[in-house]
């Protein structure tokens, strides 16, 4: 599998660069921020009040035949020091995944290797986890992880992480996105002679509360994402998932100009069904829909359901999960 410019395999140094016109980052600043993250990882992974366990629900959108794949995308809001009770909430997420048994899970905001290890423990051997390292950060590159259910028969290749070249400036320290070094994590899935590419991504946060408008930055990230997918996978079937921080009909027009052309948006029907809800709980109505499952070059019928929270970070995250079932033609992945 060819890697796009700026890509690196797990364990290799990335070549993602700061966006044009941005200043060089003082090493002492980065080291201090990394030290805070490391301390936060240790503290947050070892403590936190007990939350109630989520009620069990029936399996949503079960497969009726073998030519079917069930996938979840979920931003977990697992940030040391900054998000409440991440270790406890991750246990609830693991319980929900074991209950629903999706074949593939695309996770965002796993901002600690300790959190990735905890998920692996709490999933009790039912899933294999894929992350990338070597990006100069004390957490999985981009905060991204891909889980593959062991009993599904799908096997994941070694991952490739591509850092987005455009990012917010380092001196806006309250926003954290520069330190995060966001990007896209890709892998190839294989089961027998079937092949499917996976792309998990997380784009620049808007930070409207600080009066920011990062539309042009997200535009550059979406253009890099499209170029990376085209260069790496060509006409190969791809499932793209993640938090794009971009809503339909927002003022920037980025959904219509850049997100929709990525492929077939599997969330269209569930968005229409839930009316003014967004993909985050307890947001003012109408809510913003930020999370997506998108297929490229895949002949499939799709259904999507939400894995909902009761409130922000209760009991899972500040984002609802999305579970999709993809029924594909027998020849679609060959």
Foldseek 3Di string as FASTA:
>chain_A
DDFDPQKDFFPAEGDAAEDPPFDDDDPVLLVVVQVQQVVLCVVLQPDADAADADDADAAPPDDPDLLKFKEKEEEFQQGRPPDHNSNNQLLNVLVNCLRRVGQKYKYAQQFAVSSVVSSCVSVPQQWDKAFGDNHPHRHGQQRIMMIGGPVSQKDKDGKMWHFHNYDDHVVVPVQCGVSNRWTKIKIWIDHPLFIEIEIEGAARAQPVVVVGGCLVSLLSRLVVVLVRCCVPPNLAKYKYWYFSNDAPPDPSCCCVVRVPVSAHWQCPVVCVVVDQDEQFFPDPTSDGHGITIGIGNFAWDKDKDWQDAPHAVHPTHRGIMIMMMTRGDPVSRD
